[in-house]
């Protein structure tokens, strides 16, 4: 399983995707009406995906490079050879980029908050 993250200039290839979590804001609105048991509804599509992506690296240098690359202002492409549904265009948004040494596995974890963007 190969995961590639690229922004047109930088390419990041982690050893593994250690974590991937998304959510979509439901944007349909239910309007409560006085004197009625059922609401009026304004249907709206859900937002694009937002969440966090945790990348695992066996060595410090590529983890640091991934952190620095994601600190720039870029649109990123995420592709995975085995997990097609996680593929997307995204920007780093709504949180902080973290890099941590996992003492139990002697590896590096880089966490990236993302917001999906449409082409």
PDB file of N, CA and C in Angstrom:
ATOM      1  N   UNK A   1       0.845  -1.166   0.000  1.00  0.00           N
ATOM      2  CA  UNK A   1       0.000   0.000   0.000  1.00  0.00           C
ATOM      3  C   UNK A   1       0.894   1.234   0.000  1.00  0.00           C
ATOM      4  N   UNK A   2       0.773   2.073  -1.006  1.00  0.00           N
ATOM      5  CA  UNK A   2       1.565   3.279  -1.106  1.00  0.00           C
ATOM      6  C   UNK A   2       0.652   4.494  -1.049  1.00  0.00           C
ATOM      7  N   UNK A   3       1.015   5.425  -0.175  1.00  0.00           N
ATOM      8  CA  UNK A   3       0.311   6.698  -0.069  1.00  0.00           C
ATOM      9  C   UNK A   3       1.252   7.787  -0.542  1.00  0.00           C
ATOM     10  N   UNK A   4       0.742   8.657  -1.409  1.00  0.00           N
ATOM     11  CA  UNK A   4       1.529   9.769  -1.911  1.00  0.00           C
ATOM     12  C   UNK A   4       0.743  11.055  -1.699  1.00  0.00           C
ATOM     13  N   UNK A   5       1.423  12.063  -1.163  1.00  0.00           N
ATOM     14  CA  UNK A   5       0.851  13.386  -0.986  1.00  0.00           C
ATOM     15  C   UNK A   5       1.732  14.338  -1.786  1.00  0.00           C
ATOM     16  N   UNK A   6       1.139  15.123  -2.658  1.00  0.00           N
ATOM     17  CA  UNK A   6       1.945  16.028  -3.473  1.00  0.00           C
ATOM     18  C   UNK A   6       1.225  17.353  -3.660  1.00  0.00           C
ATOM     19  N   UNK A   7       2.033  18.399  -3.860  1.00  0.00           N
ATOM     20  CA  UNK A   7       1.471  19.734  -4.059  1.00  0.00           C
ATOM     21  C   UNK A   7       1.969  20.391  -5.342  1.00  0.00           C
ATOM     22  N   UNK A   8       2.560  19.622  -6.222  1.00  0.00           N
ATOM     23  CA  UNK A   8       3.116  20.161  -7.457  1.00  0.00           C
ATOM     24  C   UNK A   8       4.594  20.490  -7.339  1.00  0.00           C
ATOM     25  N   UNK A   9       5.072  20.709  -6.132  1.00  0.00           N
ATOM     26  CA  UNK A   9       6.484  20.980  -5.867  1.00  0.00           C
ATOM     27  C   UNK A   9       7.077  19.907  -4.965  1.00  0.00           C
ATOM     28  N   UNK A  10       6.391  19.640  -3.879  1.00  0.00           N
ATOM     29  CA  UNK A  10       6.847  18.665  -2.882  1.00  0.00           C
ATOM     30  C   UNK A  10       6.057  17.372  -3.010  1.00  0.00           C
ATOM     31  N   UNK A  11       6.725  16.256  -2.736  1.00  0.00           N
ATOM     32  CA  UNK A  11       6.067  14.954  -2.668  1.00  0.00           C
ATOM     33  C   UNK A  11       6.439  14.314  -1.348  1.00  0.00           C
ATOM     34  N   UNK A  12       5.425  13.828  -0.639  1.00  0.00           N
ATOM     35  CA  UNK A  12       5.615  13.171   0.646  1.00  0.00           C
ATOM     36  C   UNK A  12       5.112  11.741   0.502  1.00  0.00           C
ATOM     37  N   UNK A  13       5.953  10.783   0.866  1.00  0.00           N
ATOM     38  CA  UNK A  13       5.573   9.367   0.819  1.00  0.00           C
ATOM     39  C   UNK A  13       5.839   8.761   2.190  1.00  0.00           C
ATOM     40  N   UNK A  14       4.821   8.731   3.050  1.00  0.00           N
ATOM     41  CA  UNK A  14       5.028   8.163   4.391  1.00  0.00           C
ATOM     42  C   UNK A  14       5.175   6.651   4.326  1.00  0.00           C
ATOM     43  N   UNK A  15       5.713   6.080   5.385  1.00  0.00           N
ATOM     44  CA  UNK A  15       5.808   4.626   5.469  1.00  0.00           C
ATOM     45  C   UNK A  15       4.428   3.999   5.636  1.00  0.00           C
ATOM     46  N   UNK A  16       3.514   4.737   6.266  1.00  0.00           N
ATOM     47  CA  UNK A  16       2.138   4.258   6.437  1.00  0.00           C
ATOM     48  C   UNK A  16       1.241   5.420   6.817  1.00  0.00           C
ATOM     49  N   UNK A  17      -0.037   5.250   6.563  1.00  0.00           N
ATOM     50  CA  UNK A  17      -1.043   6.156   7.104  1.00  0.00           C
ATOM     51  C   UNK A  17      -1.491   5.521   8.415  1.00  0.00           C
ATOM     52  N   UNK A  18      -1.133   6.168   9.502  1.00  0.00           N
ATOM     53  CA  UNK A  18      -1.415   5.614  10.830  1.00  0.00           C
ATOM     54  C   UNK A  18      -2.840   5.938  11.285  1.00  0.00           C
ATOM     55  N   UNK A  19      -3.383   7.032  10.778  1.00  0.00           N
ATOM     56  CA  UNK A  19      -4.727   7.432  11.158  1.00  0.00           C
ATOM     57  C   UNK A  19      -5.350   8.316  10.095  1.00  0.00           C
ATOM     58  N   UNK A  20      -6.642   8.143   9.911  1.00  0.00           N
ATOM     59  CA  UNK A  20      -7.395   8.942   8.946  1.00  0.00           C
ATOM     60  C   UNK A  20      -8.807   9.070   9.484  1.00  0.00           C
ATOM     61  N   UNK A  21      -9.242  10.297   9.695  1.00  0.00           N
ATOM     62  CA  UNK A  21     -10.578  10.512  10.222  1.00  0.00           C
ATOM     63  C   UNK A  21     -11.190  11.706   9.515  1.00  0.00           C
ATOM     64  N   UNK A  22     -12.438  11.552   9.070  1.00  0.00           N
ATOM     65  CA  UNK A  22     -13.124  12.652   8.415  1.00  0.00           C
ATOM     66  C   UNK A  22     -14.508  12.857   9.017  1.00  0.00           C
ATOM     67  N   UNK A  23     -15.017  14.038   8.796  1.00  0.00           N
ATOM     68  CA  UNK A  23     -16.422  14.314   9.069  1.00  0.00           C
ATOM     69  C   UNK A  23     -16.898  15.340   8.060  1.00  0.00           C
ATOM     70  N   UNK A  24     -18.196  15.379   7.862  1.00  0.00           N
ATOM     71  CA  UNK A  24     -18.832  16.343   6.969  1.00  0.00           C
ATOM     72  C   UNK A  24     -19.921  17.050   7.752  1.00  0.00           C
ATOM     73  N   UNK A  25     -19.896  18.346   7.703  1.00  0.00           N
ATOM     74  CA  UNK A  25     -20.929  19.105   8.392  1.00  0.00           C
ATOM     75  C   UNK A  25     -22.252  18.947   7.653  1.00  0.00           C
ATOM     76  N   UNK A  26     -23.266  18.494   8.373  1.00  0.00           N
ATOM     77  CA  UNK A  26     -24.615  18.420   7.800  1.00  0.00           C
ATOM     78  C   UNK A  26     -25.151  19.850   7.748  1.00  0.00           C
ATOM     79  N   UNK A  27     -25.566  20.293   6.577  1.00  0.00           N
ATOM     80  CA  UNK A  27     -25.970  21.691   6.458  1.00  0.00           C
ATOM     81  C   UNK A  27     -27.458  21.867   6.171  1.00  0.00           C
ATOM     82  N   UNK A  28     -28.217  20.770   6.186  1.00  0.00           N
ATOM     83  CA  UNK A  28     -29.666  20.897   6.087  1.00  0.00           C
ATOM     84  C   UNK A  28     -30.174  21.553   7.371  1.00  0.00           C
ATOM     85  N   UNK A  29     -31.132  22.454   7.238  1.00  0.00           N
ATOM     86  CA  UNK A  29     -31.644  23.198   8.386  1.00  0.00           C
ATOM     87  C   UNK A  29     -33.097  22.808   8.641  1.00  0.00           C
ATOM     88  N   UNK A  30     -33.402  22.493   9.891  1.00  0.00           N
ATOM     89  CA  UNK A  30     -34.779  22.236  10.316  1.00  0.00           C
ATOM     90  C   UNK A  30     -35.271  23.482  11.052  1.00  0.00           C
ATOM     91  N   UNK A  31     -36.331  24.099  10.535  1.00  0.00           N
ATOM     92  CA  UNK A  31     -36.897  25.320  11.120  1.00  0.00           C
ATOM     93  C   UNK A  31     -38.129  24.930  11.934  1.00  0.00           C
ATOM     94  N   UNK A  32     -38.039  25.049  13.261  1.00  0.00           N
ATOM     95  CA  UNK A  32     -39.192  24.761  14.111  1.00  0.00           C
ATOM     96  C   UNK A  32     -40.227  25.868  13.930  1.00  0.00           C
ATOM     97  N   UNK A  33     -41.474  25.459  13.754  1.00  0.00           N
ATOM     98  CA  UNK A  33     -42.580  26.390  13.549  1.00  0.00           C
ATOM     99  C   UNK A  33     -43.500  26.299  14.772  1.00  0.00           C
ATOM    100  N   UNK A  34     -43.771  27.449  15.384  1.00  0.00           N
ATOM    101  CA  UNK A  34     -44.660  27.466  16.544  1.00  0.00           C
ATOM    102  C   UNK A  34     -46.025  26.915  16.160  1.00  0.00           C
ATOM    103  N   UNK A  35     -46.560  26.046  17.004  1.00  0.00           N
ATOM    104  CA  UNK A  35     -47.875  25.479  16.774  1.00  0.00           C
ATOM    105  C   UNK A  35     -47.894  24.279  15.841  1.00  0.00           C
ATOM    106  N   UNK A  36     -46.705  23.861  15.357  1.00  0.00           N
ATOM    107  CA  UNK A  36     -46.632  22.682  14.487  1.00  0.00           C
ATOM    108  C   UNK A  36     -45.691  21.667  15.077  1.00  0.00           C
ATOM    109  N   UNK A  37     -46.000  20.415  14.872  1.00  0.00           N
ATOM    110  CA  UNK A  37     -45.137  19.346  15.366  1.00  0.00           C
ATOM    111  C   UNK A  37     -43.977  19.032  14.438  1.00  0.00           C
ATOM    112  N   UNK A  38     -44.123  19.382  13.173  1.00  0.00           N
ATOM    113  CA  UNK A  38     -43.056  19.084  12.215  1.00  0.00           C
ATOM    114  C   UNK A  38     -42.424  20.382  11.722  1.00  0.00           C
ATOM    115  N   UNK A  39     -41.126  20.367  11.485  1.00  0.00           N
ATOM    116  CA  UNK A  39     -40.427  21.582  11.059  1.00  0.00           C
ATOM    117  C   UNK A  39     -40.506  21.774   9.550  1.00  0.00           C
ATOM    118  N   UNK A  40     -40.259  23.007   9.119  1.00  0.00           N
ATOM    119  CA  UNK A  40     -39.958  23.263   7.716  1.00  0.00           C
ATOM    120  C   UNK A  40     -38.492  22.892   7.516  1.00  0.00           C
ATOM    121  N   UNK A  41     -38.172  22.407   6.353  1.00  0.00           N
ATOM    122  CA  UNK A  41     -36.814  21.930   6.084  1.00  0.00           C
ATOM    123  C   UNK A  41     -36.204  22.695   4.913  1.00  0.00           C
ATOM    124  N   UNK A  42     -34.989  23.148   5.093  1.00  0.00           N
ATOM    125  CA  UNK A  42     -34.196  23.709   4.009  1.00  0.00           C
ATOM    126  C   UNK A  42     -33.108  22.692   3.698  1.00  0.00           C
ATOM    127  N   UNK A  43     -33.230  22.022   2.560  1.00  0.00           N
ATOM    128  CA  UNK A  43     -32.259  20.986   2.182  1.00  0.00           C
ATOM    129  C   UNK A  43     -31.007  21.635   1.606  1.00  0.00           C
ATOM    130  N   UNK A  44     -29.867  21.223   2.124  1.00  0.00           N
ATOM    131  CA  UNK A  44     -28.574  21.685   1.627  1.00  0.00           C
ATOM    132  C   UNK A  44     -27.609  20.511   1.663  1.00  0.00           C
ATOM    133  N   UNK A  45     -26.696  20.432   0.711  1.00  0.00           N
ATOM    134  CA  UNK A  45     -25.730  19.322   0.735  1.00  0.00           C
ATOM    135  C   UNK A  45     -24.752  19.474   1.904  1.00  0.00           C
ATOM    136  N   UNK A  46     -24.198  18.369   2.321  1.00  0.00           N
ATOM    137  CA  UNK A  46     -23.179  18.377   3.376  1.00  0.00           C
ATOM    138  C   UNK A  46     -21.914  19.044   2.858  1.00  0.00           C
ATOM    139  N   UNK A  47     -21.080  19.475   3.778  1.00  0.00           N
ATOM    140  CA  UNK A  47     -19.817  20.110   3.411  1.00  0.00           C
ATOM    141  C   UNK A  47     -18.840  19.073   2.850  1.00  0.00           C
ATOM    142  N   UNK A  48     -17.740  19.550   2.325  1.00  0.00           N
ATOM    143  CA  UNK A  48     -16.666  18.642   1.926  1.00  0.00           C
ATOM    144  C   UNK A  48     -16.035  18.062   3.193  1.00  0.00           C
ATOM    145  N   UNK A  49     -15.213  17.038   3.014  1.00  0.00           N
ATOM    146  CA  UNK A  49     -14.590  16.375   4.163  1.00  0.00           C
ATOM    147  C   UNK A  49     -13.616  17.311   4.880  1.00  0.00           C
ATOM    148  N   UNK A  50     -13.578  17.155   6.173  1.00  0.00           N
ATOM    149  CA  UNK A  50     -12.560  17.801   7.002  1.00  0.00           C
ATOM    150  C   UNK A  50     -12.151  16.779   8.052  1.00  0.00           C
ATOM    151  N   UNK A  51     -10.952  16.907   8.534  1.00  0.00           N
ATOM    152  CA  UNK A  51     -10.527  15.930   9.519  1.00  0.00           C
ATOM    153  C   UNK A  51      -9.042  15.983   9.770  1.00  0.00           C
ATOM    154  N   UNK A  52      -8.485  14.820  10.095  1.00  0.00           N
ATOM    155  CA  UNK A  52      -7.057  14.744  10.362  1.00  0.00           C
ATOM    156  C   UNK A  52      -6.472  13.501   9.712  1.00  0.00           C
ATOM    157  N   UNK A  53      -5.237  13.646   9.341  1.00  0.00           N
ATOM    158  CA  UNK A  53      -4.483  12.604   8.667  1.00  0.00           C
ATOM    159  C   UNK A  53      -3.204  12.428   9.464  1.00  0.00           C
ATOM    160  N   UNK A  54      -2.928  11.204   9.903  1.00  0.00           N
ATOM    161  CA  UNK A  54      -1.711  10.946  10.660  1.00  0.00           C
ATOM    162  C   UNK A  54      -0.792  10.060   9.828  1.00  0.00           C
ATOM    163  N   UNK A  55       0.396  10.573   9.571  1.00  0.00           N
ATOM    164  CA  UNK A  55       1.380   9.884   8.737  1.00  0.00           C
ATOM    165  C   UNK A  55       2.493   9.324   9.612  1.00  0.00           C
ATOM    166  N   UNK A  56       2.920   8.100   9.320  1.00  0.00           N
ATOM    167  CA  UNK A  56       3.971   7.436  10.081  1.00  0.00           C
ATOM    168  C   UNK A  56       5.248   7.398   9.246  1.00  0.00           C
ATOM    169  N   UNK A  57       6.342   7.771   9.887  1.00  0.00           N
ATOM    170  CA  UNK A  57       7.655   7.743   9.241  1.00  0.00           C
ATOM    171  C   UNK A  57       8.629   6.999  10.141  1.00  0.00           C
ATOM    172  N   UNK A  58       9.453   6.152   9.553  1.00  0.00           N
ATOM    173  CA  UNK A  58      10.449   5.409  10.333  1.00  0.00           C
ATOM    174  C   UNK A  58      11.617   6.293  10.739  1.00  0.00           C
ATOM    175  N   UNK A  59      11.859   7.369   9.978  1.00  0.00           N
ATOM    176  CA  UNK A  59      13.025   8.218  10.220  1.00  0.00           C
ATOM    177  C   UNK A  59      12.619   9.676  10.422  1.00  0.00           C
ATOM    178  N   UNK A  60      13.460  10.392  11.133  1.00  0.00           N
ATOM    179  CA  UNK A  60      13.182  11.783  11.486  1.00  0.00           C
ATOM    180  C   UNK A  60      13.187  12.722  10.282  1.00  0.00           C
ATOM    181  N   UNK A  61      14.150  12.589   9.386  1.00  0.00           N
ATOM    182  CA  UNK A  61      14.289  13.549   8.277  1.00  0.00           C
ATOM    183  C   UNK A  61      13.049  13.630   7.384  1.00  0.00           C
ATOM    184  N   UNK A  62      12.481  12.512   6.916  1.00  0.00           N
ATOM    185  CA  UNK A  62      11.283  12.643   6.092  1.00  0.00           C
ATOM    186  C   UNK A  62      10.072  13.159   6.874  1.00  0.00           C
ATOM    187  N   UNK A  63      10.002  12.873   8.165  1.00  0.00           N
ATOM    188  CA  UNK A  63       8.914  13.407   8.990  1.00  0.00           C
ATOM    189  C   UNK A  63       9.030  14.925   9.100  1.00  0.00           C
ATOM    190  N   UNK A  64      10.239  15.408   9.326  1.00  0.00           N
ATOM    191  CA  UNK A  64      10.460  16.858   9.410  1.00  0.00           C
ATOM    192  C   UNK A  64      10.158  17.523   8.069  1.00  0.00           C
ATOM    193  N   UNK A  65      10.559  16.877   6.978  1.00  0.00           N
ATOM    194  CA  UNK A  65      10.290  17.427   5.648  1.00  0.00           C
ATOM    195  C   UNK A  65       8.785  17.486   5.376  1.00  0.00           C
ATOM    196  N   UNK A  66       8.043  16.471   5.815  1.00  0.00           N
ATOM    197  CA  UNK A  66       6.584  16.470   5.639  1.00  0.00           C
ATOM    198  C   UNK A  66       5.951  17.606   6.423  1.00  0.00           C
ATOM    199  N   UNK A  67       6.433  17.837   7.629  1.00  0.00           N
ATOM    200  CA  UNK A  67       5.912  18.930   8.454  1.00  0.00           C
ATOM    201  C   UNK A  67       6.159  20.279   7.783  1.00  0.00           C
ATOM    202  N   UNK A  68       7.378  20.503   7.342  1.00  0.00           N
ATOM    203  CA  UNK A  68       7.733  21.772   6.705  1.00  0.00           C
ATOM    204  C   UNK A  68       6.954  21.970   5.409  1.00  0.00           C
ATOM    205  N   UNK A  69       6.836  20.938   4.608  1.00  0.00           N
ATOM    206  CA  UNK A  69       6.112  21.052   3.338  1.00  0.00           C
ATOM    207  C   UNK A  69       4.643  21.409   3.571  1.00  0.00           C
ATOM    208  N   UNK A  70       4.032  20.816   4.588  1.00  0.00           N
ATOM    209  CA  UNK A  70       2.619  21.095   4.863  1.00  0.00           C
ATOM    210  C   UNK A  70       2.401  22.459   5.521  1.00  0.00           C
ATOM    211  N   UNK A  71       3.470  23.103   5.968  1.00  0.00           N
ATOM    212  CA  UNK A  71       3.348  24.432   6.559  1.00  0.00           C
ATOM    213  C   UNK A  71       3.194  25.516   5.497  1.00  0.00           C
ATOM    214  N   UNK A  72       3.474  25.206   4.242  1.00  0.00           N
ATOM    215  CA  UNK A  72       3.320  26.167   3.162  1.00  0.00           C
ATOM    216  C   UNK A  72       1.873  26.299   2.724  1.00  0.00           C
ATOM    217  N   UNK A  73       1.621  27.261   1.869  1.00  0.00           N
ATOM    218  CA  UNK A  73       0.267  27.518   1.350  1.00  0.00           C
ATOM    219  C   UNK A  73       0.100  26.793   0.017  1.00  0.00           C
ATOM    220  N   UNK A  74      -0.440  25.569   0.059  1.00  0.00           N
ATOM    221  CA  UNK A  74      -0.568  24.735  -1.131  1.00  0.00           C
ATOM    222  C   UNK A  74      -1.884  23.965  -1.115  1.00  0.00           C
ATOM    223  N   UNK A  75      -2.312  23.586  -2.292  1.00  0.00           N
ATOM    224  CA  UNK A  75      -3.356  22.580  -2.431  1.00  0.00           C
ATOM    225  C   UNK A  75      -2.634  21.257  -2.636  1.00  0.00           C
ATOM    226  N   UNK A  76      -2.999  20.253  -1.836  1.00  0.00           N
ATOM    227  CA  UNK A  76      -2.352  18.950  -1.860  1.00  0.00           C
ATOM    228  C   UNK A  76      -3.245  17.911  -2.514  1.00  0.00           C
ATOM    229  N   UNK A  77      -2.623  16.915  -3.123  1.00  0.00           N
ATOM    230  CA  UNK A  77      -3.325  15.744  -3.649  1.00  0.00           C
ATOM    231  C   UNK A  77      -2.921  14.549  -2.808  1.00  0.00           C
ATOM    232  N   UNK A  78      -3.917  13.833  -2.301  1.00  0.00           N
ATOM    233  CA  UNK A  78      -3.689  12.603  -1.542  1.00  0.00           C
ATOM    234  C   UNK A  78      -4.135  11.436  -2.403  1.00  0.00           C
ATOM    235  N   UNK A  79      -3.241  10.483  -2.630  1.00  0.00           N
ATOM    236  CA  UNK A  79      -3.565   9.275  -3.394  1.00  0.00           C
ATOM    237  C   UNK A  79      -3.044   8.065  -2.626  1.00  0.00           C
ATOM    238  N   UNK A  80      -3.835   6.991  -2.661  1.00  0.00           N
ATOM    239  CA  UNK A  80      -3.450   5.754  -1.998  1.00  0.00           C
ATOM    240  C   UNK A  80      -3.773   4.599  -2.936  1.00  0.00           C
ATOM    241  N   UNK A  81      -2.822   3.699  -3.148  1.00  0.00           N
ATOM    242  CA  UNK A  81      -3.002   2.617  -4.115  1.00  0.00           C
ATOM    243  C   UNK A  81      -4.036   1.589  -3.691  1.00  0.00           C
ATOM    244  N   UNK A  82      -4.284   1.443  -2.383  1.00  0.00           N
ATOM    245  CA  UNK A  82      -5.230   0.431  -1.900  1.00  0.00           C
ATOM    246  C   UNK A  82      -6.534   1.004  -1.359  1.00  0.00           C
ATOM    247  N   UNK A  83      -6.497   2.233  -0.891  1.00  0.00           N
ATOM    248  CA  UNK A  83      -7.676   2.851  -0.285  1.00  0.00           C
ATOM    249  C   UNK A  83      -8.132   4.030  -1.148  1.00  0.00           C
ATOM    250  N   UNK A  84      -8.821   3.725  -2.230  1.00  0.00           N
ATOM    251  CA  UNK A  84      -9.220   4.754  -3.180  1.00  0.00           C
ATOM    252  C   UNK A  84     -10.138   5.817  -2.616  1.00  0.00           C
ATOM    253  N   UNK A  85     -10.920   5.478  -1.591  1.00  0.00           N
ATOM    254  CA  UNK A  85     -11.882   6.449  -1.071  1.00  0.00           C
ATOM    255  C   UNK A  85     -11.242   7.554  -0.238  1.00  0.00           C
ATOM    256  N   UNK A  86      -9.969   7.402   0.151  1.00  0.00           N
ATOM    257  CA  UNK A  86      -9.341   8.481   0.912  1.00  0.00           C
ATOM    258  C   UNK A  86      -8.684   9.510  -0.001  1.00  0.00           C
ATOM    259  N   UNK A  87      -8.620   9.231  -1.295  1.00  0.00           N
ATOM    260  CA  UNK A  87      -8.027  10.167  -2.230  1.00  0.00           C
ATOM    261  C   UNK A  87      -8.809  11.464  -2.288  1.00  0.00           C
ATOM    262  N   UNK A  88      -8.082  12.590  -2.375  1.00  0.00           N
ATOM    263  CA  UNK A  88      -8.755  13.893  -2.431  1.00  0.00           C
ATOM    264  C   UNK A  88      -7.739  14.992  -2.705  1.00  0.00           C
ATOM    265  N   UNK A  89      -8.267  16.165  -2.999  1.00  0.00           N
ATOM    266  CA  UNK A  89      -7.511  17.402  -2.957  1.00  0.00           C
ATOM    267  C   UNK A  89      -7.809  18.032  -1.606  1.00  0.00           C
ATOM    268  N   UNK A  90      -6.785  18.576  -0.954  1.00  0.00           N
ATOM    269  CA  UNK A  90      -7.011  19.167   0.358  1.00  0.00           C
ATOM    270  C   UNK A  90      -6.067  20.322   0.616  1.00  0.00           C
ATOM    271  N   UNK A  91      -6.445  21.135   1.594  1.00  0.00           N
ATOM    272  CA  UNK A  91      -5.577  22.182   2.122  1.00  0.00           C
ATOM    273  C   UNK A  91      -5.421  21.929   3.616  1.00  0.00           C
ATOM    274  N   UNK A  92      -4.333  22.419   4.174  1.00  0.00           N
ATOM    275  CA  UNK A  92      -4.135  22.335   5.618  1.00  0.00           C
ATOM    276  C   UNK A  92      -4.974  23.450   6.238  1.00  0.00           C
ATOM    277  N   UNK A  93      -5.898  23.078   7.120  1.00  0.00           N
ATOM    278  CA  UNK A  93      -6.811  24.075   7.685  1.00  0.00           C
ATOM    279  C   UNK A  93      -7.381  23.592   9.010  1.00  0.00           C
ATOM    280  N   UNK A  94      -7.823  24.553   9.809  1.00  0.00           N
ATOM    281  CA  UNK A  94      -8.632  24.294  10.997  1.00  0.00           C
ATOM    282  C   UNK A  94      -7.905  23.481  12.064  1.00  0.00           C
ATOM    283  N   UNK A  95      -6.691  23.843  12.358  1.00  0.00           N
ATOM    284  CA  UNK A  95      -5.949  23.155  13.416  1.00  0.00           C
ATOM    285  C   UNK A  95      -4.462  23.336  13.251  1.00  0.00           C
ATOM    286  N   UNK A  96      -3.697  22.573  13.991  1.00  0.00           N
ATOM    287  CA  UNK A  96      -2.252  22.679  13.947  1.00  0.00           C
ATOM    288  C   UNK A  96      -1.597  21.421  13.409  1.00  0.00           C
ATOM    289  N   UNK A  97      -0.480  21.605  12.741  1.00  0.00           N
ATOM    290  CA  UNK A  97       0.335  20.494  12.242  1.00  0.00           C
ATOM    291  C   UNK A  97       1.209  20.043  13.412  1.00  0.00           C
ATOM    292  N   UNK A  98       1.230  18.749  13.686  1.00  0.00           N
ATOM    293  CA  UNK A  98       2.074  18.261  14.777  1.00  0.00           C
ATOM    294  C   UNK A  98       3.010  17.175  14.277  1.00  0.00           C
ATOM    295  N   UNK A  99       4.179  17.140  14.906  1.00  0.00           N
ATOM    296  CA  UNK A  99       5.143  16.067  14.640  1.00  0.00           C
ATOM    297  C   UNK A  99       5.582  15.548  15.990  1.00  0.00           C
ATOM    298  N   UNK A 100       5.511  14.238  16.176  1.00  0.00           N
ATOM    299  CA  UNK A 100       5.824  13.650  17.476  1.00  0.00           C
ATOM    300  C   UNK A 100       6.610  12.361  17.305  1.00  0.00           C
ATOM    301  N   UNK A 101       7.498  12.144  18.242  1.00  0.00           N
ATOM    302  CA  UNK A 101       8.239  10.887  18.298  1.00  0.00           C
ATOM    303  C   UNK A 101       7.419   9.899  19.115  1.00  0.00           C
ATOM    304  N   UNK A 102       7.094   8.769  18.515  1.00  0.00           N
ATOM    305  CA  UNK A 102       6.356   7.710  19.208  1.00  0.00           C
ATOM    306  C   UNK A 102       7.385   6.798  19.865  1.00  0.00           C
ATOM    307  N   UNK A 103       7.552   6.948  21.169  1.00  0.00           N
ATOM    308  CA  UNK A 103       8.583   6.200  21.900  1.00  0.00           C
ATOM    309  C   UNK A 103       8.379   4.694  21.849  1.00  0.00           C
ATOM    310  N   UNK A 104       7.130   4.257  21.792  1.00  0.00           N
ATOM    311  CA  UNK A 104       6.888   2.821  21.835  1.00  0.00           C
ATOM    312  C   UNK A 104       7.270   2.128  20.534  1.00  0.00           C
ATOM    313  N   UNK A 105       7.272   2.866  19.440  1.00  0.00           N
ATOM    314  CA  UNK A 105       7.603   2.258  18.145  1.00  0.00           C
ATOM    315  C   UNK A 105       8.866   2.841  17.537  1.00  0.00           C
ATOM    316  N   UNK A 106       9.448   3.821  18.202  1.00  0.00           N
ATOM    317  CA  UNK A 106      10.644   4.496  17.685  1.00  0.00           C
ATOM    318  C   UNK A 106      10.428   4.986  16.260  1.00  0.00           C
ATOM    319  N   UNK A 107       9.286   5.624  16.039  1.00  0.00           N
ATOM    320  CA  UNK A 107       8.982   6.191  14.739  1.00  0.00           C
ATOM    321  C   UNK A 107       8.412   7.593  14.949  1.00  0.00           C
ATOM    322  N   UNK A 108       8.197   8.286  13.851  1.00  0.00           N
ATOM    323  CA  UNK A 108       7.699   9.654  13.891  1.00  0.00           C
ATOM    324  C   UNK A 108       6.289   9.702  13.329  1.00  0.00           C
ATOM    325  N   UNK A 109       5.431  10.511  13.971  1.00  0.00           N
ATOM    326  CA  UNK A 109       4.060  10.696  13.526  1.00  0.00           C
ATOM    327  C   UNK A 109       3.849  12.172  13.198  1.00  0.00           C
ATOM    328  N   UNK A 110       3.322  12.435  12.021  1.00  0.00           N
ATOM    329  CA  UNK A 110       2.988  13.794  11.606  1.00  0.00           C
ATOM    330  C   UNK A 110       1.480  13.837  11.408  1.00  0.00           C
ATOM    331  N   UNK A 111       0.814  14.725  12.147  1.00  0.00           N
ATOM    332  CA  UNK A 111      -0.636  14.872  12.049  1.00  0.00           C
ATOM    333  C   UNK A 111      -0.966  16.165  11.315  1.00  0.00           C
ATOM    334  N   UNK A 112      -1.863  16.050  10.356  1.00  0.00           N
ATOM    335  CA  UNK A 112      -2.207  17.169   9.492  1.00  0.00           C
ATOM    336  C   UNK A 112      -3.721  17.377   9.536  1.00  0.00           C
ATOM    337  N   UNK A 113      -4.176  18.571   9.956  1.00  0.00           N
ATOM    338  CA  UNK A 113      -5.598  18.867   9.869  1.00  0.00           C
ATOM    339  C   UNK A 113      -5.904  19.290   8.433  1.00  0.00           C
ATOM    340  N   UNK A 114      -6.981  18.777   7.868  1.00  0.00           N
ATOM    341  CA  UNK A 114      -7.243  19.104   6.458  1.00  0.00           C
ATOM    342  C   UNK A 114      -8.692  19.494   6.228  1.00  0.00           C
ATOM    343  N   UNK A 115      -8.880  20.151   5.097  1.00  0.00           N
ATOM    344  CA  UNK A 115     -10.214  20.455   4.574  1.00  0.00           C
ATOM    345  C   UNK A 115     -10.165  20.125   3.094  1.00  0.00           C
ATOM    346  N   UNK A 116     -11.051  19.258   2.661  1.00  0.00           N
ATOM    347  CA  UNK A 116     -11.113  18.864   1.250  1.00  0.00           C
ATOM    348  C   UNK A 116     -11.543  20.050   0.402  1.00  0.00           C
ATOM    349  N   UNK A 117     -10.936  20.187  -0.761  1.00  0.00           N
ATOM    350  CA  UNK A 117     -11.343  21.203  -1.730  1.00  0.00           C
ATOM    351  C   UNK A 117     -11.725  20.483  -3.029  1.00  0.00           C
ATOM    352  N   UNK A 118     -12.612  21.094  -3.769  1.00  0.00           N
ATOM    353  CA  UNK A 118     -13.066  20.480  -5.012  1.00  0.00           C
ATOM    354  C   UNK A 118     -12.244  21.022  -6.173  1.00  0.00           C
ATOM    355  N   UNK A 119     -12.036  20.169  -7.199  1.00  0.00           N
ATOM    356  CA  UNK A 119     -11.225  20.621  -8.345  1.00  0.00           C
ATOM    357  C   UNK A 119     -11.916  21.708  -9.136  1.00  0.00           C
TER     358      UNK A 119
END
